[in-house]
Amino acid sequence: MWSDSVSYSPSEILYEELDVRRNVLRELLDEDKHSVGTHIHSIWPGMVEVIGYSGAIDYIEFSGEYAPYDLASLENFGRAVDLFDNMSSMMKIEQQPRTYLGVRALGSGIQNLLFADIRTPDDARNAVASARAESPSTGGLVGVGMRRDVGYVMEVGGEGYVKALEGCVVALMIEKESALEQLEEILSVGGVDMVQFGPADYSMSIGLPGQWDHPRVKEAERKTIETSLRMGIAPRVELPDSRGAEPYIEMGVKHFCIGWDVEVIHEWCKHHGSALAKALGR
């Protein structure tokens, strides 16, 4: 029975050190191996399990920039990913409030972060800081929190916590004209692990909305990939499926994120619904 007359200090309470969970994406990146991810808009843990049972996906990106969610659902997403030793997780973080969303994603057990709408080197520095502990050795903005990533009480602010944050893969979207103009400066920011070109936003930012295949857009994509490879930063490419990967593989790209749950369902319904309607004479 709890008694107010008895006090305990941290040194008197035995905590086992919280194991830092394996980050599959970090391992593949550090070992210069290929990775295959997929996107989901649904935060339902069952969808995570369906993907995990395929055994073919290295990490799931929850596209939080686009999808509705609450903080409790982020934790349940993290728990579902933890069921699979062969899989880690990522969340796409929108431009504001960048630090808050990054901290809450990491606190939920989501191990890697993709930051959208990077425009300047300062944006890149802020993104990295939003994924690192606020300590002299790491220079981040993430403080101590009693959240899921530390077992709530197991490794609050300890060395394991700082180590886990250091393992977070920080990926940046290069999707604005200003970002492309300052690409080398952005890629020179310490702690940037991965970049991805965004043709939709980029085409809009240069006054060519929707023209993803315009020569200026394709050239910007090539520049992003070639510059990142030259500077030792891993480029990642998004594709609807595996069929368009070959040209990028030939360029030296090793990291891909394929498919969106919403698009897969849309295309399936469009194709098979139309085919059955035709067979029924509609």
C-alpha atoms as a PDB file:
ATOM      1  CA  MET A   1       0.000   0.000   0.000  1.00  0.00           C
ATOM      2  CA  TRP A   2       1.315   3.460  -0.893  1.00  0.00           C
ATOM      3  CA  SER A   3       2.274   5.578   2.070  1.00  0.00           C
ATOM      4  CA  ASP A   4       2.930   9.309   1.999  1.00  0.00           C
ATOM      5  CA  SER A   5       5.309   8.821   4.902  1.00  0.00           C
ATOM      6  CA  VAL A   6       7.741   6.851   2.745  1.00  0.00           C
ATOM      7  CA  SER A   7       9.808   8.660   0.120  1.00  0.00           C
ATOM      8  CA  TYR A   8      11.912   7.147  -2.622  1.00  0.00           C
ATOM      9  CA  SER A   9      14.795   8.598  -4.584  1.00  0.00           C
ATOM     10  CA  PRO A  10      15.637   7.491  -8.132  1.00  0.00           C
ATOM     11  CA  SER A  11      18.751   5.708  -6.841  1.00  0.00           C
ATOM     12  CA  GLU A  12      16.573   3.502  -4.626  1.00  0.00           C
ATOM     13  CA  ILE A  13      14.337   2.340  -7.475  1.00  0.00           C
ATOM     14  CA  LEU A  14      15.710  -0.384  -9.715  1.00  0.00           C
ATOM     15  CA  TYR A  15      14.992   0.218 -13.401  1.00  0.00           C
ATOM     16  CA  GLU A  16      16.155  -2.115 -16.092  1.00  0.00           C
ATOM     17  CA  GLU A  17      17.621  -0.167 -18.999  1.00  0.00           C
ATOM     18  CA  LEU A  18      15.062   0.139 -21.772  1.00  0.00           C
ATOM     19  CA  ASP A  19      16.185  -1.730 -24.870  1.00  0.00           C
ATOM     20  CA  VAL A  20      16.573   0.532 -27.877  1.00  0.00           C
ATOM     21  CA  ARG A  21      14.341  -1.107 -30.451  1.00  0.00           C
ATOM     22  CA  ARG A  22      15.903  -2.151 -33.719  1.00  0.00           C
ATOM     23  CA  ASN A  23      15.507   0.530 -36.397  1.00  0.00           C
ATOM     24  CA  VAL A  24      15.508  -1.395 -39.669  1.00  0.00           C
ATOM     25  CA  LEU A  25      15.679   1.690 -41.873  1.00  0.00           C
ATOM     26  CA  ARG A  26      18.657   3.067 -39.939  1.00  0.00           C
ATOM     27  CA  GLU A  27      20.468  -0.258 -40.255  1.00  0.00           C
ATOM     28  CA  LEU A  28      19.903  -0.482 -44.000  1.00  0.00           C
ATOM     29  CA  LEU A  29      20.993   3.115 -44.487  1.00  0.00           C
ATOM     30  CA  ASP A  30      24.163   2.724 -42.419  1.00  0.00           C
ATOM     31  CA  GLU A  31      25.048  -0.514 -44.217  1.00  0.00           C
ATOM     32  CA  ASP A  32      24.475   1.118 -47.627  1.00  0.00           C
ATOM     33  CA  LYS A  33      21.795  -1.426 -48.498  1.00  0.00           C
ATOM     34  CA  HIS A  34      18.503  -1.001 -50.336  1.00  0.00           C
ATOM     35  CA  SER A  35      15.218  -0.242 -48.573  1.00  0.00           C
ATOM     36  CA  VAL A  36      11.577  -0.564 -49.558  1.00  0.00           C
ATOM     37  CA  GLY A  37       8.862   1.342 -47.741  1.00  0.00           C
ATOM     38  CA  THR A  38       5.175   1.971 -48.292  1.00  0.00           C
ATOM     39  CA  HIS A  39       2.799   4.800 -47.369  1.00  0.00           C
ATOM     40  CA  ILE A  40      -0.439   4.636 -45.448  1.00  0.00           C
ATOM     41  CA  HIS A  41      -3.066   7.269 -44.685  1.00  0.00           C
ATOM     42  CA  SER A  42      -5.047   4.924 -42.455  1.00  0.00           C
ATOM     43  CA  ILE A  43      -3.768   4.912 -38.885  1.00  0.00           C
ATOM     44  CA  TRP A  44      -5.646   1.648 -38.180  1.00  0.00           C
ATOM     45  CA  PRO A  45      -3.189  -0.819 -36.562  1.00  0.00           C
ATOM     46  CA  GLY A  46      -4.756  -3.674 -38.536  1.00  0.00           C
ATOM     47  CA  MET A  47      -3.454  -2.162 -41.768  1.00  0.00           C
ATOM     48  CA  VAL A  48       0.038  -2.129 -40.259  1.00  0.00           C
ATOM     49  CA  GLU A  49      -0.293  -5.827 -39.460  1.00  0.00           C
ATOM     50  CA  VAL A  50      -1.506  -6.667 -42.974  1.00  0.00           C
ATOM     51  CA  ILE A  51       1.563  -4.945 -44.404  1.00  0.00           C
ATOM     52  CA  GLY A  52       3.872  -6.547 -41.870  1.00  0.00           C
ATOM     53  CA  TYR A  53       2.648 -10.049 -42.685  1.00  0.00           C
ATOM     54  CA  SER A  54       3.769  -9.534 -46.290  1.00  0.00           C
ATOM     55  CA  GLY A  55       7.367  -9.757 -45.104  1.00  0.00           C
ATOM     56  CA  ALA A  56       8.389  -7.537 -48.031  1.00  0.00           C
ATOM     57  CA  ILE A  57       8.340  -4.039 -46.511  1.00  0.00           C
ATOM     58  CA  ASP A  58      11.209  -2.557 -44.484  1.00  0.00           C
ATOM     59  CA  TYR A  59       9.273   0.371 -43.045  1.00  0.00           C
ATOM     60  CA  ILE A  60       5.840   1.978 -43.128  1.00  0.00           C
ATOM     61  CA  GLU A  61       5.498   5.711 -43.599  1.00  0.00           C
ATOM     62  CA  PHE A  62       2.407   7.176 -41.981  1.00  0.00           C
ATOM     63  CA  SER A  63       1.692  10.184 -44.194  1.00  0.00           C
ATOM     64  CA  GLY A  64       0.635  12.404 -41.324  1.00  0.00           C
ATOM     65  CA  GLU A  65       0.836  15.542 -43.432  1.00  0.00           C
ATOM     66  CA  TYR A  66      -2.306  14.396 -45.242  1.00  0.00           C
ATOM     67  CA  ALA A  67      -4.209  12.088 -42.912  1.00  0.00           C
ATOM     68  CA  PRO A  68      -6.317  12.653 -39.776  1.00  0.00           C
ATOM     69  CA  TYR A  69      -5.035  11.220 -36.507  1.00  0.00           C
ATOM     70  CA  ASP A  70      -4.854  11.804 -32.786  1.00  0.00           C
ATOM     71  CA  LEU A  71      -1.996  11.221 -30.359  1.00  0.00           C
ATOM     72  CA  ALA A  72      -3.407   7.973 -28.991  1.00  0.00           C
ATOM     73  CA  SER A  73      -3.687   6.555 -32.515  1.00  0.00           C
ATOM     74  CA  LEU A  74      -0.012   7.361 -33.124  1.00  0.00           C
ATOM     75  CA  GLU A  75       0.910   5.182 -30.137  1.00  0.00           C
ATOM     76  CA  ASN A  76      -1.239   2.327 -31.441  1.00  0.00           C
ATOM     77  CA  PHE A  77       0.434   2.650 -34.837  1.00  0.00           C
ATOM     78  CA  GLY A  78       3.815   2.376 -33.099  1.00  0.00           C
ATOM     79  CA  ARG A  79       2.716  -0.685 -31.133  1.00  0.00           C
ATOM     80  CA  ALA A  80       1.553  -2.448 -34.277  1.00  0.00           C
ATOM     81  CA  VAL A  81       4.856  -1.824 -36.042  1.00  0.00           C
ATOM     82  CA  ASP A  82       6.671  -3.228 -33.012  1.00  0.00           C
ATOM     83  CA  LEU A  83       5.067  -6.615 -33.682  1.00  0.00           C
ATOM     84  CA  PHE A  84       7.435  -7.077 -36.628  1.00  0.00           C
ATOM     85  CA  ASP A  85      11.184  -7.313 -36.091  1.00  0.00           C
ATOM     86  CA  ASN A  86      11.779  -6.848 -39.817  1.00  0.00           C
ATOM     87  CA  MET A  87       9.989  -3.500 -40.017  1.00  0.00           C
ATOM     88  CA  SER A  88      10.350   0.035 -38.690  1.00  0.00           C
ATOM     89  CA  SER A  89       8.291   3.197 -39.099  1.00  0.00           C
ATOM     90  CA  MET A  90       8.368   6.771 -40.354  1.00  0.00           C
ATOM     91  CA  MET A  91       6.012   9.731 -40.151  1.00  0.00           C
ATOM     92  CA  LYS A  92       5.741  12.562 -42.652  1.00  0.00           C
ATOM     93  CA  ILE A  93       5.769  15.816 -40.694  1.00  0.00           C
ATOM     94  CA  GLU A  94       4.143  18.945 -42.067  1.00  0.00           C
ATOM     95  CA  GLN A  95       5.797  22.346 -41.899  1.00  0.00           C
ATOM     96  CA  GLN A  96       4.119  23.644 -38.739  1.00  0.00           C
ATOM     97  CA  PRO A  97       4.385  22.967 -35.871  1.00  0.00           C
ATOM     98  CA  ARG A  98       7.418  20.934 -36.917  1.00  0.00           C
ATOM     99  CA  THR A  99       9.089  20.382 -33.551  1.00  0.00           C
ATOM    100  CA  TYR A 100       5.872  19.541 -31.702  1.00  0.00           C
ATOM    101  CA  LEU A 101       4.808  16.950 -34.278  1.00  0.00           C
ATOM    102  CA  GLY A 102       8.278  15.449 -34.492  1.00  0.00           C
ATOM    103  CA  VAL A 103       8.541  15.067 -30.728  1.00  0.00           C
ATOM    104  CA  ARG A 104       5.100  13.476 -30.435  1.00  0.00           C
ATOM    105  CA  ALA A 105       5.791  11.069 -33.296  1.00  0.00           C
ATOM    106  CA  LEU A 106       9.069   9.953 -31.743  1.00  0.00           C
ATOM    107  CA  GLY A 107       7.419   9.725 -28.342  1.00  0.00           C
ATOM    108  CA  SER A 108       4.828   7.367 -29.842  1.00  0.00           C
ATOM    109  CA  GLY A 109       7.574   4.986 -30.931  1.00  0.00           C
ATOM    110  CA  ILE A 110       7.767   6.095 -34.574  1.00  0.00           C
ATOM    111  CA  GLN A 111      11.488   5.914 -35.225  1.00  0.00           C
ATOM    112  CA  ASN A 112      12.103   8.015 -38.342  1.00  0.00           C
ATOM    113  CA  LEU A 113      10.850  11.367 -39.624  1.00  0.00           C
ATOM    114  CA  LEU A 114      10.273  12.853 -43.083  1.00  0.00           C
ATOM    115  CA  PHE A 115       9.987  16.653 -42.990  1.00  0.00           C
ATOM    116  CA  ALA A 116       7.925  18.365 -45.677  1.00  0.00           C
ATOM    117  CA  ASP A 117       8.242  21.902 -47.072  1.00  0.00           C
ATOM    118  CA  ILE A 118      11.946  22.464 -46.480  1.00  0.00           C
ATOM    119  CA  ARG A 119      12.926  25.798 -48.043  1.00  0.00           C
ATOM    120  CA  THR A 120      16.240  26.844 -46.500  1.00  0.00           C
ATOM    121  CA  PRO A 121      19.282  25.468 -44.644  1.00  0.00           C
ATOM    122  CA  ASP A 122      17.757  26.867 -41.442  1.00  0.00           C
ATOM    123  CA  ASP A 123      14.658  24.735 -42.067  1.00  0.00           C
ATOM    124  CA  ALA A 124      16.922  21.703 -42.428  1.00  0.00           C
ATOM    125  CA  ARG A 125      18.745  22.522 -39.198  1.00  0.00           C
ATOM    126  CA  ASN A 126      15.440  22.905 -37.377  1.00  0.00           C
ATOM    127  CA  ALA A 127      14.240  19.551 -38.739  1.00  0.00           C
ATOM    128  CA  VAL A 128      17.358  17.777 -37.484  1.00  0.00           C
ATOM    129  CA  ALA A 129      17.085  19.496 -34.102  1.00  0.00           C
ATOM    130  CA  SER A 130      13.457  18.352 -33.865  1.00  0.00           C
ATOM    131  CA  ALA A 131      14.705  14.761 -33.871  1.00  0.00           C
ATOM    132  CA  ARG A 132      17.657  15.047 -31.480  1.00  0.00           C
ATOM    133  CA  ALA A 133      17.953  15.325 -27.709  1.00  0.00           C
ATOM    134  CA  GLU A 134      18.637  18.726 -26.203  1.00  0.00           C
ATOM    135  CA  SER A 135      22.088  17.933 -24.849  1.00  0.00           C
ATOM    136  CA  PRO A 136      25.579  19.421 -25.432  1.00  0.00           C
ATOM    137  CA  SER A 137      26.631  16.448 -27.552  1.00  0.00           C
ATOM    138  CA  THR A 138      23.577  16.404 -29.834  1.00  0.00           C
ATOM    139  CA  GLY A 139      22.355  20.014 -29.922  1.00  0.00           C
ATOM    140  CA  GLY A 140      18.707  19.148 -30.469  1.00  0.00           C
ATOM    141  CA  LEU A 141      15.395  20.516 -29.279  1.00  0.00           C
ATOM    142  CA  VAL A 142      13.841  17.340 -27.836  1.00  0.00           C
ATOM    143  CA  GLY A 143      13.556  17.359 -24.080  1.00  0.00           C
ATOM    144  CA  VAL A 144      12.669  14.637 -21.608  1.00  0.00           C
ATOM    145  CA  GLY A 145       9.221  13.073 -21.850  1.00  0.00           C
ATOM    146  CA  MET A 146       7.360  10.245 -20.129  1.00  0.00           C
ATOM    147  CA  ARG A 147       6.147   8.723 -23.385  1.00  0.00           C
ATOM    148  CA  ARG A 148       5.925   5.367 -25.077  1.00  0.00           C
ATOM    149  CA  ASP A 149       9.410   5.448 -26.614  1.00  0.00           C
ATOM    150  CA  VAL A 150      10.975   5.337 -23.146  1.00  0.00           C
ATOM    151  CA  GLY A 151       8.513   2.884 -21.612  1.00  0.00           C
ATOM    152  CA  TYR A 152       6.863   5.881 -19.882  1.00  0.00           C
ATOM    153  CA  VAL A 153       9.062   5.430 -16.774  1.00  0.00           C
ATOM    154  CA  MET A 154      11.942   3.183 -17.834  1.00  0.00           C
ATOM    155  CA  GLU A 155      14.475   5.429 -19.583  1.00  0.00           C
ATOM    156  CA  VAL A 156      13.218   8.952 -19.006  1.00  0.00           C
ATOM    157  CA  GLY A 157      16.024  11.265 -20.078  1.00  0.00           C
ATOM    158  CA  GLY A 158      18.684   8.569 -19.787  1.00  0.00           C
ATOM    159  CA  GLU A 159      21.501   7.568 -22.108  1.00  0.00           C
ATOM    160  CA  GLY A 160      19.255   5.082 -23.895  1.00  0.00           C
ATOM    161  CA  TYR A 161      16.868   7.913 -24.719  1.00  0.00           C
ATOM    162  CA  VAL A 162      19.589  10.068 -26.246  1.00  0.00           C
ATOM    163  CA  LYS A 163      20.938   7.074 -28.164  1.00  0.00           C
ATOM    164  CA  ALA A 164      17.523   6.218 -29.600  1.00  0.00           C
ATOM    165  CA  LEU A 165      17.003   9.783 -30.818  1.00  0.00           C
ATOM    166  CA  GLU A 166      20.409   9.732 -32.498  1.00  0.00           C
ATOM    167  CA  GLY A 167      19.227   6.701 -34.445  1.00  0.00           C
ATOM    168  CA  CYS A 168      16.277   8.550 -35.994  1.00  0.00           C
ATOM    169  CA  VAL A 169      16.625   8.799 -39.773  1.00  0.00           C
ATOM    170  CA  VAL A 170      15.975  12.419 -40.735  1.00  0.00           C
ATOM    171  CA  ALA A 171      14.648  12.721 -44.281  1.00  0.00           C
ATOM    172  CA  LEU A 172      13.837  16.004 -46.024  1.00  0.00           C
ATOM    173  CA  MET A 173      11.512  16.845 -48.885  1.00  0.00           C
ATOM    174  CA  ILE A 174      13.155  18.928 -51.610  1.00  0.00           C
ATOM    175  CA  GLU A 175      10.032  20.323 -53.201  1.00  0.00           C
ATOM    176  CA  LYS A 176      10.365  24.099 -53.323  1.00  0.00           C
ATOM    177  CA  GLU A 177      12.267  26.258 -55.807  1.00  0.00           C
ATOM    178  CA  SER A 178      14.204  27.911 -52.982  1.00  0.00           C
ATOM    179  CA  ALA A 179      15.279  24.505 -51.643  1.00  0.00           C
ATOM    180  CA  LEU A 180      16.666  23.469 -55.010  1.00  0.00           C
ATOM    181  CA  GLU A 181      18.542  26.761 -55.285  1.00  0.00           C
ATOM    182  CA  GLN A 182      20.187  26.076 -51.902  1.00  0.00           C
ATOM    183  CA  LEU A 183      20.448  22.310 -52.282  1.00  0.00           C
ATOM    184  CA  GLU A 184      24.133  21.912 -51.462  1.00  0.00           C
ATOM    185  CA  GLU A 185      23.826  24.103 -48.364  1.00  0.00           C
ATOM    186  CA  ILE A 186      20.817  22.069 -47.190  1.00  0.00           C
ATOM    187  CA  LEU A 187      22.585  18.760 -47.779  1.00  0.00           C
ATOM    188  CA  SER A 188      25.607  20.050 -45.858  1.00  0.00           C
ATOM    189  CA  VAL A 189      23.566  20.354 -42.643  1.00  0.00           C
ATOM    190  CA  GLY A 190      24.811  17.757 -40.178  1.00  0.00           C
ATOM    191  CA  GLY A 191      22.322  15.031 -39.362  1.00  0.00           C
ATOM    192  CA  VAL A 192      20.476  14.997 -42.702  1.00  0.00           C
ATOM    193  CA  ASP A 193      20.288  11.342 -43.728  1.00  0.00           C
ATOM    194  CA  MET A 194      17.979  11.221 -46.726  1.00  0.00           C
ATOM    195  CA  VAL A 195      16.273  13.509 -49.245  1.00  0.00           C
ATOM    196  CA  GLN A 196      13.357  13.100 -51.591  1.00  0.00           C
ATOM    197  CA  PHE A 197      12.326  15.269 -54.515  1.00  0.00           C
ATOM    198  CA  GLY A 198       8.640  16.260 -54.599  1.00  0.00           C
ATOM    199  CA  PRO A 199       7.480  16.956 -58.160  1.00  0.00           C
ATOM    200  CA  ALA A 200       3.946  18.039 -57.213  1.00  0.00           C
ATOM    201  CA  ASP A 201       4.989  20.836 -54.864  1.00  0.00           C
ATOM    202  CA  TYR A 202       8.011  21.770 -56.966  1.00  0.00           C
ATOM    203  CA  SER A 203       6.002  22.147 -60.171  1.00  0.00           C
ATOM    204  CA  MET A 204       3.509  24.342 -58.318  1.00  0.00           C
ATOM    205  CA  SER A 205       6.298  26.441 -56.778  1.00  0.00           C
ATOM    206  CA  ILE A 206       7.678  27.328 -60.234  1.00  0.00           C
ATOM    207  CA  GLY A 207       4.291  28.150 -61.754  1.00  0.00           C
ATOM    208  CA  LEU A 208       3.704  24.820 -63.503  1.00  0.00           C
ATOM    209  CA  PRO A 209       1.034  23.190 -61.292  1.00  0.00           C
ATOM    210  CA  GLY A 210       0.289  19.592 -62.195  1.00  0.00           C
ATOM    211  CA  GLN A 211       3.036  19.382 -64.815  1.00  0.00           C
ATOM    212  CA  TRP A 212       5.136  16.752 -63.054  1.00  0.00           C
ATOM    213  CA  ASP A 213       6.753  15.590 -66.290  1.00  0.00           C
ATOM    214  CA  HIS A 214       7.729  19.058 -67.486  1.00  0.00           C
ATOM    215  CA  PRO A 215      11.435  19.182 -68.501  1.00  0.00           C
ATOM    216  CA  ARG A 216      12.184  21.735 -65.765  1.00  0.00           C
ATOM    217  CA  VAL A 217      10.651  19.459 -63.135  1.00  0.00           C
ATOM    218  CA  LYS A 218      12.439  16.340 -64.389  1.00  0.00           C
ATOM    219  CA  GLU A 219      15.731  18.232 -64.472  1.00  0.00           C
ATOM    220  CA  ALA A 220      15.206  19.399 -60.890  1.00  0.00           C
ATOM    221  CA  GLU A 221      14.592  15.787 -59.842  1.00  0.00           C
ATOM    222  CA  ARG A 222      17.772  14.652 -61.579  1.00  0.00           C
ATOM    223  CA  LYS A 223      19.756  17.439 -59.948  1.00  0.00           C
ATOM    224  CA  THR A 224      18.433  16.472 -56.506  1.00  0.00           C
ATOM    225  CA  ILE A 225      19.367  12.819 -56.961  1.00  0.00           C
ATOM    226  CA  GLU A 226      22.780  13.429 -58.501  1.00  0.00           C
ATOM    227  CA  THR A 227      23.758  16.099 -55.973  1.00  0.00           C
ATOM    228  CA  SER A 228      22.689  14.010 -52.986  1.00  0.00           C
ATOM    229  CA  LEU A 229      24.614  10.978 -54.260  1.00  0.00           C
ATOM    230  CA  ARG A 230      27.717  13.106 -54.816  1.00  0.00           C
ATOM    231  CA  MET A 231      27.463  14.535 -51.289  1.00  0.00           C
ATOM    232  CA  GLY A 232      26.867  11.171 -49.606  1.00  0.00           C
ATOM    233  CA  ILE A 233      23.203  11.732 -48.729  1.00  0.00           C
ATOM    234  CA  ALA A 234      20.777   8.949 -49.656  1.00  0.00           C
ATOM    235  CA  PRO A 235      18.103   9.918 -52.192  1.00  0.00           C
ATOM    236  CA  ARG A 236      14.689   8.310 -51.799  1.00  0.00           C
ATOM    237  CA  VAL A 237      12.130   8.019 -54.605  1.00  0.00           C
ATOM    238  CA  GLU A 238       8.351   7.645 -54.277  1.00  0.00           C
ATOM    239  CA  LEU A 239       6.577   5.535 -56.879  1.00  0.00           C
ATOM    240  CA  PRO A 240       3.033   4.172 -57.285  1.00  0.00           C
ATOM    241  CA  ASP A 241       4.470   0.654 -57.648  1.00  0.00           C
ATOM    242  CA  SER A 242       7.642  -1.241 -58.519  1.00  0.00           C
ATOM    243  CA  ARG A 243       7.369  -0.842 -62.283  1.00  0.00           C
ATOM    244  CA  GLY A 244       8.996   2.583 -62.543  1.00  0.00           C
ATOM    245  CA  ALA A 245      12.040   1.877 -60.404  1.00  0.00           C
ATOM    246  CA  GLU A 246      14.570   0.763 -63.019  1.00  0.00           C
ATOM    247  CA  PRO A 247      15.662   4.205 -64.312  1.00  0.00           C
ATOM    248  CA  TYR A 248      16.280   5.350 -60.742  1.00  0.00           C
ATOM    249  CA  ILE A 249      18.180   2.194 -59.845  1.00  0.00           C
ATOM    250  CA  GLU A 250      20.426   2.873 -62.833  1.00  0.00           C
ATOM    251  CA  MET A 251      21.067   6.363 -61.426  1.00  0.00           C
ATOM    252  CA  GLY A 252      22.194   4.826 -58.126  1.00  0.00           C
ATOM    253  CA  VAL A 253      19.044   5.194 -56.016  1.00  0.00           C
ATOM    254  CA  LYS A 254      18.729   2.490 -53.349  1.00  0.00           C
ATOM    255  CA  HIS A 255      15.736   3.695 -51.342  1.00  0.00           C
ATOM    256  CA  PHE A 256      12.126   3.615 -52.502  1.00  0.00           C
ATOM    257  CA  CYS A 257       8.710   4.145 -50.942  1.00  0.00           C
ATOM    258  CA  ILE A 258       5.971   2.635 -53.077  1.00  0.00           C
ATOM    259  CA  GLY A 259       2.193   2.780 -53.055  1.00  0.00           C
ATOM    260  CA  TRP A 260      -0.408   4.595 -50.948  1.00  0.00           C
ATOM    261  CA  ASP A 261      -3.253   2.663 -49.376  1.00  0.00           C
ATOM    262  CA  VAL A 262      -5.802   5.198 -50.627  1.00  0.00           C
ATOM    263  CA  GLU A 263      -4.500   5.008 -54.185  1.00  0.00           C
ATOM    264  CA  VAL A 264      -4.355   1.205 -54.193  1.00  0.00           C
ATOM    265  CA  ILE A 265      -8.006   0.998 -53.072  1.00  0.00           C
ATOM    266  CA  HIS A 266      -9.073   3.651 -55.580  1.00  0.00           C
ATOM    267  CA  GLU A 267      -7.375   1.928 -58.513  1.00  0.00           C
ATOM    268  CA  TRP A 268      -8.690  -1.519 -57.502  1.00  0.00           C
ATOM    269  CA  CYS A 269     -12.263  -0.263 -57.245  1.00  0.00           C
ATOM    270  CA  LYS A 270     -11.989   1.686 -60.483  1.00  0.00           C
ATOM    271  CA  HIS A 271     -10.591  -1.273 -62.441  1.00  0.00           C
ATOM    272  CA  HIS A 272     -12.609  -4.158 -61.028  1.00  0.00           C
ATOM    273  CA  GLY A 273     -15.797  -2.192 -60.468  1.00  0.00           C
ATOM    274  CA  SER A 274     -15.775  -1.013 -64.084  1.00  0.00           C
ATOM    275  CA  ALA A 275     -14.945  -4.495 -65.367  1.00  0.00           C
ATOM    276  CA  LEU A 276     -17.803  -6.120 -63.454  1.00  0.00           C
ATOM    277  CA  ALA A 277     -20.234  -3.350 -64.443  1.00  0.00           C
ATOM    278  CA  LYS A 278     -19.318  -3.958 -68.082  1.00  0.00           C
ATOM    279  CA  ALA A 279     -19.839  -7.715 -67.677  1.00  0.00           C
ATOM    280  CA  LEU A 280     -23.277  -6.951 -66.196  1.00  0.00           C
ATOM    281  CA  GLY A 281     -24.157  -4.866 -69.225  1.00  0.00           C
ATOM    282  CA  ARG A 282     -23.995  -1.456 -67.590  1.00  0.00           C
END
